[in-house]
Amino acid sequence: MSPISQRLFNQLSTSCRNMDDGTIEALSAAVRSGQLPWFVGEFRTALDGAITIPLWRQVTALDIANDDRPLVEKHVRQVWTAVEPNEPFPGMRWS
């Protein structure tokens, strides 16, 4: 497992801050229109152990407890469903 790319971190931080539905929908529209052709692949790769609770806390700026994996997975699933609605959520591997 490698850390997420800077561009993925930056995009997630912009689009998922406070898990705002409007910015997540804007991310979805950008992905669907082809503006972010790399996003789905890098996001899928990040699901394989690169997304941690501390990282997601940084991305969202939310106060997430150190052991709240269900909340982080719920958020990540919400983002996945927005950007890739026709593909099942691949799940997350925690490192």
PDB file of N, CA and C in Angstrom:
ATOM      1  N   MET A   1       0.836  -1.172   0.000  1.00  0.00           N
ATOM      2  CA  MET A   1       0.000   0.000   0.000  1.00  0.00           C
ATOM      3  C   MET A   1       0.884   1.238   0.000  1.00  0.00           C
ATOM      4  N   SER A   2       0.623   2.123  -0.932  1.00  0.00           N
ATOM      5  CA  SER A   2       1.365   3.375  -0.980  1.00  0.00           C
ATOM      6  C   SER A   2       0.427   4.512  -0.595  1.00  0.00           C
ATOM      7  N   PRO A   3       1.002   5.618  -0.191  1.00  0.00           N
ATOM      8  CA  PRO A   3       0.143   6.751   0.177  1.00  0.00           C
ATOM      9  C   PRO A   3      -0.602   7.273  -1.055  1.00  0.00           C
ATOM     10  N   ILE A   4      -1.682   7.977  -0.807  1.00  0.00           N
ATOM     11  CA  ILE A   4      -2.436   8.528  -1.927  1.00  0.00           C
ATOM     12  C   ILE A   4      -1.634   9.653  -2.573  1.00  0.00           C
ATOM     13  N   SER A   5      -1.911   9.889  -3.838  1.00  0.00           N
ATOM     14  CA  SER A   5      -1.213  10.952  -4.555  1.00  0.00           C
ATOM     15  C   SER A   5      -1.635  12.314  -4.007  1.00  0.00           C
ATOM     16  N   GLN A   6      -0.789  13.284  -4.236  1.00  0.00           N
ATOM     17  CA  GLN A   6      -1.105  14.646  -3.797  1.00  0.00           C
ATOM     18  C   GLN A   6      -2.351  15.160  -4.504  1.00  0.00           C
ATOM     19  N   ARG A   7      -2.497  14.821  -5.792  1.00  0.00           N
ATOM     20  CA  ARG A   7      -3.674  15.333  -6.509  1.00  0.00           C
ATOM     21  C   ARG A   7      -4.963  14.694  -5.996  1.00  0.00           C
ATOM     22  N   LEU A   8      -4.909  13.415  -5.612  1.00  0.00           N
ATOM     23  CA  LEU A   8      -6.100  12.787  -5.031  1.00  0.00           C
ATOM     24  C   LEU A   8      -6.406  13.418  -3.680  1.00  0.00           C
ATOM     25  N   PHE A   9      -5.383  13.610  -2.859  1.00  0.00           N
ATOM     26  CA  PHE A   9      -5.592  14.258  -1.562  1.00  0.00           C
ATOM     27  C   PHE A   9      -6.208  15.646  -1.746  1.00  0.00           C
ATOM     28  N   ASN A  10      -5.653  16.411  -2.669  1.00  0.00           N
ATOM     29  CA  ASN A  10      -6.157  17.770  -2.900  1.00  0.00           C
ATOM     30  C   ASN A  10      -7.609  17.751  -3.380  1.00  0.00           C
ATOM     31  N   GLN A  11      -7.921  16.841  -4.301  1.00  0.00           N
ATOM     32  CA  GLN A  11      -9.285  16.780  -4.825  1.00  0.00           C
ATOM     33  C   GLN A  11     -10.267  16.339  -3.748  1.00  0.00           C
ATOM     34  N   LEU A  12      -9.894  15.319  -2.982  1.00  0.00           N
ATOM     35  CA  LEU A  12     -10.768  14.870  -1.892  1.00  0.00           C
ATOM     36  C   LEU A  12     -10.959  15.976  -0.863  1.00  0.00           C
ATOM     37  N   SER A  13      -9.882  16.682  -0.531  1.00  0.00           N
ATOM     38  CA  SER A  13      -9.978  17.762   0.461  1.00  0.00           C
ATOM     39  C   SER A  13     -10.896  18.878  -0.010  1.00  0.00           C
ATOM     40  N   THR A  14     -10.867  19.158  -1.295  1.00  0.00           N
ATOM     41  CA  THR A  14     -11.736  20.182  -1.859  1.00  0.00           C
ATOM     42  C   THR A  14     -13.181  19.706  -1.917  1.00  0.00           C
ATOM     43  N   SER A  15     -13.367  18.466  -2.355  1.00  0.00           N
ATOM     44  CA  SER A  15     -14.710  17.969  -2.641  1.00  0.00           C
ATOM     45  C   SER A  15     -15.417  17.348  -1.440  1.00  0.00           C
ATOM     46  N   CYS A  16     -14.676  16.906  -0.452  1.00  0.00           N
ATOM     47  CA  CYS A  16     -15.285  16.177   0.671  1.00  0.00           C
ATOM     48  C   CYS A  16     -15.209  16.933   1.991  1.00  0.00           C
ATOM     49  N   ARG A  17     -14.764  18.161   1.962  1.00  0.00           N
ATOM     50  CA  ARG A  17     -14.690  18.966   3.182  1.00  0.00           C
ATOM     51  C   ARG A  17     -16.063  19.000   3.828  1.00  0.00           C
ATOM     52  N   ASN A  18     -16.135  18.598   5.058  1.00  0.00           N
ATOM     53  CA  ASN A  18     -17.375  18.536   5.835  1.00  0.00           C
ATOM     54  C   ASN A  18     -18.432  17.619   5.219  1.00  0.00           C
ATOM     55  N   MET A  19     -18.020  16.786   4.270  1.00  0.00           N
ATOM     56  CA  MET A  19     -18.930  15.867   3.566  1.00  0.00           C
ATOM     57  C   MET A  19     -20.160  16.618   3.044  1.00  0.00           C
ATOM     58  N   ASP A  20     -19.885  17.752   2.414  1.00  0.00           N
ATOM     59  CA  ASP A  20     -20.932  18.609   1.856  1.00  0.00           C
ATOM     60  C   ASP A  20     -21.494  17.976   0.586  1.00  0.00           C
ATOM     61  N   ASP A  21     -22.806  17.775   0.555  1.00  0.00           N
ATOM     62  CA  ASP A  21     -23.448  17.136  -0.599  1.00  0.00           C
ATOM     63  C   ASP A  21     -23.206  17.912  -1.894  1.00  0.00           C
ATOM     64  N   GLY A  22     -23.185  19.220  -1.817  1.00  0.00           N
ATOM     65  CA  GLY A  22     -22.997  20.034  -3.023  1.00  0.00           C
ATOM     66  C   GLY A  22     -21.628  19.854  -3.647  1.00  0.00           C
ATOM     67  N   THR A  23     -20.587  19.830  -2.830  1.00  0.00           N
ATOM     68  CA  THR A  23     -19.245  19.672  -3.393  1.00  0.00           C
ATOM     69  C   THR A  23     -18.996  18.229  -3.835  1.00  0.00           C
ATOM     70  N   ILE A  24     -19.626  17.276  -3.172  1.00  0.00           N
ATOM     71  CA  ILE A  24     -19.511  15.879  -3.611  1.00  0.00           C
ATOM     72  C   ILE A  24     -20.219  15.715  -4.953  1.00  0.00           C
ATOM     73  N   GLU A  25     -21.348  16.356  -5.118  1.00  0.00           N
ATOM     74  CA  GLU A  25     -22.056  16.300  -6.401  1.00  0.00           C
ATOM     75  C   GLU A  25     -21.247  16.996  -7.494  1.00  0.00           C
ATOM     76  N   ALA A  26     -20.567  18.074  -7.161  1.00  0.00           N
ATOM     77  CA  ALA A  26     -19.707  18.745  -8.145  1.00  0.00           C
ATOM     78  C   ALA A  26     -18.555  17.818  -8.561  1.00  0.00           C
ATOM     79  N   LEU A  27     -18.003  17.074  -7.608  1.00  0.00           N
ATOM     80  CA  LEU A  27     -16.964  16.085  -7.924  1.00  0.00           C
ATOM     81  C   LEU A  27     -17.525  15.038  -8.869  1.00  0.00           C
ATOM     82  N   SER A  28     -18.703  14.544  -8.567  1.00  0.00           N
ATOM     83  CA  SER A  28     -19.348  13.544  -9.402  1.00  0.00           C
ATOM     84  C   SER A  28     -19.530  14.062 -10.834  1.00  0.00           C
ATOM     85  N   ALA A  29     -19.998  15.277 -10.962  1.00  0.00           N
ATOM     86  CA  ALA A  29     -20.207  15.870 -12.289  1.00  0.00           C
ATOM     87  C   ALA A  29     -18.882  16.012 -13.037  1.00  0.00           C
ATOM     88  N   ALA A  30     -17.840  16.408 -12.328  1.00  0.00           N
ATOM     89  CA  ALA A  30     -16.524  16.563 -12.959  1.00  0.00           C
ATOM     90  C   ALA A  30     -15.988  15.216 -13.437  1.00  0.00           C
ATOM     91  N   VAL A  31     -16.164  14.175 -12.640  1.00  0.00           N
ATOM     92  CA  VAL A  31     -15.707  12.841 -13.033  1.00  0.00           C
ATOM     93  C   VAL A  31     -16.510  12.346 -14.236  1.00  0.00           C
ATOM     94  N   ARG A  32     -17.821  12.477 -14.175  1.00  0.00           N
ATOM     95  CA  ARG A  32     -18.686  12.002 -15.266  1.00  0.00           C
ATOM     96  C   ARG A  32     -18.423  12.745 -16.575  1.00  0.00           C
ATOM     97  N   SER A  33     -18.056  14.015 -16.492  1.00  0.00           N
ATOM     98  CA  SER A  33     -17.814  14.795 -17.709  1.00  0.00           C
ATOM     99  C   SER A  33     -16.408  14.577 -18.276  1.00  0.00           C
ATOM    100  N   GLY A  34     -15.600  13.798 -17.579  1.00  0.00           N
ATOM    101  CA  GLY A  34     -14.256  13.504 -18.073  1.00  0.00           C
ATOM    102  C   GLY A  34     -13.184  14.483 -17.643  1.00  0.00           C
ATOM    103  N   GLN A  35     -13.522  15.415 -16.763  1.00  0.00           N
ATOM    104  CA  GLN A  35     -12.540  16.410 -16.319  1.00  0.00           C
ATOM    105  C   GLN A  35     -11.479  15.813 -15.393  1.00  0.00           C
ATOM    106  N   LEU A  36     -11.811  14.707 -14.744  1.00  0.00           N
ATOM    107  CA  LEU A  36     -10.881  14.063 -13.806  1.00  0.00           C
ATOM    108  C   LEU A  36     -10.742  12.577 -14.172  1.00  0.00           C
ATOM    109  N   PRO A  37     -10.160  12.278 -15.330  1.00  0.00           N
ATOM    110  CA  PRO A  37     -10.122  10.892 -15.793  1.00  0.00           C
ATOM    111  C   PRO A  37      -9.318   9.964 -14.888  1.00  0.00           C
ATOM    112  N   TRP A  38      -8.469  10.486 -14.071  1.00  0.00           N
ATOM    113  CA  TRP A  38      -7.616   9.705 -13.172  1.00  0.00           C
ATOM    114  C   TRP A  38      -8.297   9.386 -11.849  1.00  0.00           C
ATOM    115  N   PHE A  39      -9.367  10.115 -11.512  1.00  0.00           N
ATOM    116  CA  PHE A  39      -9.907  10.070 -10.152  1.00  0.00           C
ATOM    117  C   PHE A  39     -10.366   8.673  -9.724  1.00  0.00           C
ATOM    118  N   VAL A  40     -11.201   8.017 -10.505  1.00  0.00           N
ATOM    119  CA  VAL A  40     -11.774   6.735 -10.086  1.00  0.00           C
ATOM    120  C   VAL A  40     -10.669   5.699  -9.864  1.00  0.00           C
ATOM    121  N   GLY A  41      -9.709   5.622 -10.762  1.00  0.00           N
ATOM    122  CA  GLY A  41      -8.623   4.659 -10.607  1.00  0.00           C
ATOM    123  C   GLY A  41      -7.803   4.915  -9.358  1.00  0.00           C
ATOM    124  N   GLU A  42      -7.449   6.164  -9.119  1.00  0.00           N
ATOM    125  CA  GLU A  42      -6.662   6.484  -7.928  1.00  0.00           C
ATOM    126  C   GLU A  42      -7.480   6.294  -6.654  1.00  0.00           C
ATOM    127  N   PHE A  43      -8.755   6.619  -6.708  1.00  0.00           N
ATOM    128  CA  PHE A  43      -9.611   6.441  -5.534  1.00  0.00           C
ATOM    129  C   PHE A  43      -9.752   4.953  -5.221  1.00  0.00           C
ATOM    130  N   ARG A  44      -9.962   4.139  -6.256  1.00  0.00           N
ATOM    131  CA  ARG A  44     -10.069   2.692  -6.058  1.00  0.00           C
ATOM    132  C   ARG A  44      -8.778   2.144  -5.420  1.00  0.00           C
ATOM    133  N   THR A  45      -7.639   2.581  -5.909  1.00  0.00           N
ATOM    134  CA  THR A  45      -6.361   2.143  -5.357  1.00  0.00           C
ATOM    135  C   THR A  45      -6.237   2.560  -3.894  1.00  0.00           C
ATOM    136  N   ALA A  46      -6.697   3.762  -3.571  1.00  0.00           N
ATOM    137  CA  ALA A  46      -6.617   4.260  -2.191  1.00  0.00           C
ATOM    138  C   ALA A  46      -7.472   3.444  -1.235  1.00  0.00           C
ATOM    139  N   LEU A  47      -8.514   2.801  -1.758  1.00  0.00           N
ATOM    140  CA  LEU A  47      -9.382   1.970  -0.906  1.00  0.00           C
ATOM    141  C   LEU A  47      -8.654   0.728  -0.402  1.00  0.00           C
ATOM    142  N   ASP A  48      -7.516   0.423  -0.992  1.00  0.00           N
ATOM    143  CA  ASP A  48      -6.749  -0.751  -0.607  1.00  0.00           C
ATOM    144  C   ASP A  48      -5.720  -0.401   0.468  1.00  0.00           C
ATOM    145  N   GLY A  49      -6.180   0.221   1.535  1.00  0.00           N
ATOM    146  CA  GLY A  49      -5.349   0.466   2.706  1.00  0.00           C
ATOM    147  C   GLY A  49      -4.763   1.852   2.853  1.00  0.00           C
ATOM    148  N   ALA A  50      -4.903   2.698   1.840  1.00  0.00           N
ATOM    149  CA  ALA A  50      -4.297   4.032   1.930  1.00  0.00           C
ATOM    150  C   ALA A  50      -5.175   5.039   2.669  1.00  0.00           C
ATOM    151  N   ILE A  51      -6.477   4.808   2.682  1.00  0.00           N
ATOM    152  CA  ILE A  51      -7.367   5.727   3.403  1.00  0.00           C
ATOM    153  C   ILE A  51      -7.462   5.257   4.847  1.00  0.00           C
ATOM    154  N   THR A  52      -6.997   6.095   5.725  1.00  0.00           N
ATOM    155  CA  THR A  52      -7.008   5.813   7.158  1.00  0.00           C
ATOM    156  C   THR A  52      -7.912   6.832   7.851  1.00  0.00           C
ATOM    157  N   ILE A  53      -8.213   6.565   9.093  1.00  0.00           N
ATOM    158  CA  ILE A  53      -9.033   7.522   9.848  1.00  0.00           C
ATOM    159  C   ILE A  53      -8.330   8.878   9.955  1.00  0.00           C
ATOM    160  N   PRO A  54      -7.033   8.935  10.322  1.00  0.00           N
ATOM    161  CA  PRO A  54      -6.377  10.254  10.380  1.00  0.00           C
ATOM    162  C   PRO A  54      -6.370  10.976   9.028  1.00  0.00           C
ATOM    163  N   LEU A  55      -6.150  10.231   7.946  1.00  0.00           N
ATOM    164  CA  LEU A  55      -6.168  10.856   6.629  1.00  0.00           C
ATOM    165  C   LEU A  55      -7.552  11.409   6.325  1.00  0.00           C
ATOM    166  N   TRP A  56      -8.592  10.615   6.597  1.00  0.00           N
ATOM    167  CA  TRP A  56      -9.954  11.065   6.297  1.00  0.00           C
ATOM    168  C   TRP A  56     -10.337  12.254   7.177  1.00  0.00           C
ATOM    169  N   ARG A  57      -9.834  12.284   8.387  1.00  0.00           N
ATOM    170  CA  ARG A  57     -10.063  13.439   9.261  1.00  0.00           C
ATOM    171  C   ARG A  57      -9.470  14.687   8.621  1.00  0.00           C
ATOM    172  N   GLN A  58      -8.271  14.561   8.049  1.00  0.00           N
ATOM    173  CA  GLN A  58      -7.641  15.694   7.353  1.00  0.00           C
ATOM    174  C   GLN A  58      -8.458  16.101   6.135  1.00  0.00           C
ATOM    175  N   VAL A  59      -8.874  15.133   5.352  1.00  0.00           N
ATOM    176  CA  VAL A  59      -9.627  15.386   4.127  1.00  0.00           C
ATOM    177  C   VAL A  59     -10.926  16.127   4.431  1.00  0.00           C
ATOM    178  N   THR A  60     -11.670  15.645   5.410  1.00  0.00           N
ATOM    179  CA  THR A  60     -13.013  16.176   5.659  1.00  0.00           C
ATOM    180  C   THR A  60     -13.056  17.332   6.651  1.00  0.00           C
ATOM    181  N   ALA A  61     -12.009  17.486   7.444  1.00  0.00           N
ATOM    182  CA  ALA A  61     -11.980  18.490   8.520  1.00  0.00           C
ATOM    183  C   ALA A  61     -13.076  18.231   9.554  1.00  0.00           C
ATOM    184  N   LEU A  62     -13.495  16.966   9.670  1.00  0.00           N
ATOM    185  CA  LEU A  62     -14.492  16.587  10.664  1.00  0.00           C
ATOM    186  C   LEU A  62     -13.806  15.970  11.874  1.00  0.00           C
ATOM    187  N   ASP A  63     -14.447  16.057  13.007  1.00  0.00           N
ATOM    188  CA  ASP A  63     -13.935  15.463  14.240  1.00  0.00           C
ATOM    189  C   ASP A  63     -14.373  13.996  14.267  1.00  0.00           C
ATOM    190  N   ILE A  64     -13.536  13.121  13.751  1.00  0.00           N
ATOM    191  CA  ILE A  64     -13.838  11.693  13.662  1.00  0.00           C
ATOM    192  C   ILE A  64     -13.016  10.960  14.711  1.00  0.00           C
ATOM    193  N   ALA A  65     -13.678  10.144  15.511  1.00  0.00           N
ATOM    194  CA  ALA A  65     -12.985   9.386  16.553  1.00  0.00           C
ATOM    195  C   ALA A  65     -11.957   8.440  15.939  1.00  0.00           C
ATOM    196  N   ASN A  66     -10.885   8.183  16.665  1.00  0.00           N
ATOM    197  CA  ASN A  66      -9.794   7.338  16.188  1.00  0.00           C
ATOM    198  C   ASN A  66     -10.218   5.914  15.850  1.00  0.00           C
ATOM    199  N   ASP A  67     -11.356   5.475  16.347  1.00  0.00           N
ATOM    200  CA  ASP A  67     -11.793   4.098  16.103  1.00  0.00           C
ATOM    201  C   ASP A  67     -13.093   4.023  15.302  1.00  0.00           C
ATOM    202  N   ASP A  68     -13.473   5.108  14.644  1.00  0.00           N
ATOM    203  CA  ASP A  68     -14.768   5.138  13.944  1.00  0.00           C
ATOM    204  C   ASP A  68     -14.638   4.736  12.475  1.00  0.00           C
ATOM    205  N   ARG A  69     -14.203   3.513  12.248  1.00  0.00           N
ATOM    206  CA  ARG A  69     -14.111   2.992  10.887  1.00  0.00           C
ATOM    207  C   ARG A  69     -15.460   2.977  10.172  1.00  0.00           C
ATOM    208  N   PRO A  70     -16.569   2.631  10.867  1.00  0.00           N
ATOM    209  CA  PRO A  70     -17.854   2.627  10.163  1.00  0.00           C
ATOM    210  C   PRO A  70     -18.222   3.995   9.571  1.00  0.00           C
ATOM    211  N   LEU A  71     -17.925   5.073  10.273  1.00  0.00           N
ATOM    212  CA  LEU A  71     -18.242   6.402   9.758  1.00  0.00           C
ATOM    213  C   LEU A  71     -17.383   6.720   8.539  1.00  0.00           C
ATOM    214  N   VAL A  72     -16.097   6.415   8.623  1.00  0.00           N
ATOM    215  CA  VAL A  72     -15.212   6.684   7.486  1.00  0.00           C
ATOM    216  C   VAL A  72     -15.655   5.862   6.281  1.00  0.00           C
ATOM    217  N   GLU A  73     -15.965   4.596   6.502  1.00  0.00           N
ATOM    218  CA  GLU A  73     -16.416   3.766   5.386  1.00  0.00           C
ATOM    219  C   GLU A  73     -17.729   4.277   4.803  1.00  0.00           C
ATOM    220  N   LYS A  74     -18.613   4.766   5.640  1.00  0.00           N
ATOM    221  CA  LYS A  74     -19.873   5.350   5.159  1.00  0.00           C
ATOM    222  C   LYS A  74     -19.585   6.555   4.262  1.00  0.00           C
ATOM    223  N   HIS A  75     -18.682   7.418   4.700  1.00  0.00           N
ATOM    224  CA  HIS A  75     -18.325   8.596   3.906  1.00  0.00           C
ATOM    225  C   HIS A  75     -17.704   8.186   2.572  1.00  0.00           C
ATOM    226  N   VAL A  76     -16.752   7.269   2.642  1.00  0.00           N
ATOM    227  CA  VAL A  76     -16.051   6.840   1.425  1.00  0.00           C
ATOM    228  C   VAL A  76     -17.029   6.178   0.457  1.00  0.00           C
ATOM    229  N   ARG A  77     -17.926   5.374   0.991  1.00  0.00           N
ATOM    230  CA  ARG A  77     -18.954   4.733   0.154  1.00  0.00           C
ATOM    231  C   ARG A  77     -19.834   5.809  -0.506  1.00  0.00           C
ATOM    232  N   GLN A  78     -20.169   6.849   0.218  1.00  0.00           N
ATOM    233  CA  GLN A  78     -20.980   7.937  -0.329  1.00  0.00           C
ATOM    234  C   GLN A  78     -20.264   8.597  -1.507  1.00  0.00           C
ATOM    235  N   VAL A  79     -18.969   8.837  -1.350  1.00  0.00           N
ATOM    236  CA  VAL A  79     -18.194   9.447  -2.435  1.00  0.00           C
ATOM    237  C   VAL A  79     -18.124   8.487  -3.620  1.00  0.00           C
ATOM    238  N   TRP A  80     -17.827   7.206  -3.353  1.00  0.00           N
ATOM    239  CA  TRP A  80     -17.752   6.218  -4.426  1.00  0.00           C
ATOM    240  C   TRP A  80     -19.069   6.165  -5.211  1.00  0.00           C
ATOM    241  N   THR A  81     -20.176   6.095  -4.503  1.00  0.00           N
ATOM    242  CA  THR A  81     -21.487   6.002  -5.139  1.00  0.00           C
ATOM    243  C   THR A  81     -21.770   7.236  -5.988  1.00  0.00           C
ATOM    244  N   ALA A  82     -21.294   8.390  -5.548  1.00  0.00           N
ATOM    245  CA  ALA A  82     -21.502   9.622  -6.314  1.00  0.00           C
ATOM    246  C   ALA A  82     -20.687   9.621  -7.608  1.00  0.00           C
ATOM    247  N   VAL A  83     -19.445   9.148  -7.539  1.00  0.00           N
ATOM    248  CA  VAL A  83     -18.584   9.233  -8.722  1.00  0.00           C
ATOM    249  C   VAL A  83     -18.688   8.015  -9.633  1.00  0.00           C
ATOM    250  N   GLU A  84     -19.118   6.889  -9.095  1.00  0.00           N
ATOM    251  CA  GLU A  84     -19.190   5.643  -9.874  1.00  0.00           C
ATOM    252  C   GLU A  84     -20.490   4.912  -9.542  1.00  0.00           C
ATOM    253  N   PRO A  85     -21.650   5.538  -9.840  1.00  0.00           N
ATOM    254  CA  PRO A  85     -22.940   4.990  -9.401  1.00  0.00           C
ATOM    255  C   PRO A  85     -23.311   3.641 -10.017  1.00  0.00           C
ATOM    256  N   ASN A  86     -22.715   3.287 -11.124  1.00  0.00           N
ATOM    257  CA  ASN A  86     -23.062   2.035 -11.795  1.00  0.00           C
ATOM    258  C   ASN A  86     -22.144   0.879 -11.423  1.00  0.00           C
ATOM    259  N   GLU A  87     -21.215   1.127 -10.524  1.00  0.00           N
ATOM    260  CA  GLU A  87     -20.286   0.078 -10.103  1.00  0.00           C
ATOM    261  C   GLU A  87     -20.395  -0.104  -8.588  1.00  0.00           C
ATOM    262  N   PRO A  88     -20.528  -1.341  -8.126  1.00  0.00           N
ATOM    263  CA  PRO A  88     -20.636  -1.566  -6.677  1.00  0.00           C
ATOM    264  C   PRO A  88     -19.392  -1.056  -5.934  1.00  0.00           C
ATOM    265  N   PHE A  89     -19.624  -0.624  -4.725  1.00  0.00           N
ATOM    266  CA  PHE A  89     -18.518  -0.185  -3.870  1.00  0.00           C
ATOM    267  C   PHE A  89     -17.562  -1.359  -3.677  1.00  0.00           C
ATOM    268  N   PRO A  90     -16.287  -1.178  -4.004  1.00  0.00           N
ATOM    269  CA  PRO A  90     -15.348  -2.295  -3.921  1.00  0.00           C
ATOM    270  C   PRO A  90     -14.939  -2.669  -2.493  1.00  0.00           C
ATOM    271  N   GLY A  91     -15.343  -1.863  -1.524  1.00  0.00           N
ATOM    272  CA  GLY A  91     -14.951  -2.147  -0.137  1.00  0.00           C
ATOM    273  C   GLY A  91     -13.627  -1.469   0.186  1.00  0.00           C
ATOM    274  N   MET A  92     -13.266  -1.549   1.449  1.00  0.00           N
ATOM    275  CA  MET A  92     -12.026  -0.926   1.910  1.00  0.00           C
ATOM    276  C   MET A  92     -11.186  -1.962   2.648  1.00  0.00           C
ATOM    277  N   ARG A  93      -9.886  -1.843   2.457  1.00  0.00           N
ATOM    278  CA  ARG A  93      -8.955  -2.628   3.261  1.00  0.00           C
ATOM    279  C   ARG A  93      -8.260  -1.643   4.187  1.00  0.00           C
ATOM    280  N   TRP A  94      -8.270  -1.968   5.459  1.00  0.00           N
ATOM    281  CA  TRP A  94      -7.644  -1.092   6.446  1.00  0.00           C
ATOM    282  C   TRP A  94      -6.223  -1.572   6.707  1.00  0.00           C
ATOM    283  N   SER A  95      -5.297  -0.646   6.757  1.00  0.00           N
ATOM    284  CA  SER A  95      -3.918  -1.034   7.045  1.00  0.00           C
ATOM    285  C   SER A  95      -3.630  -0.897   8.517  1.00  0.00           C
TER     286      SER A  95
END
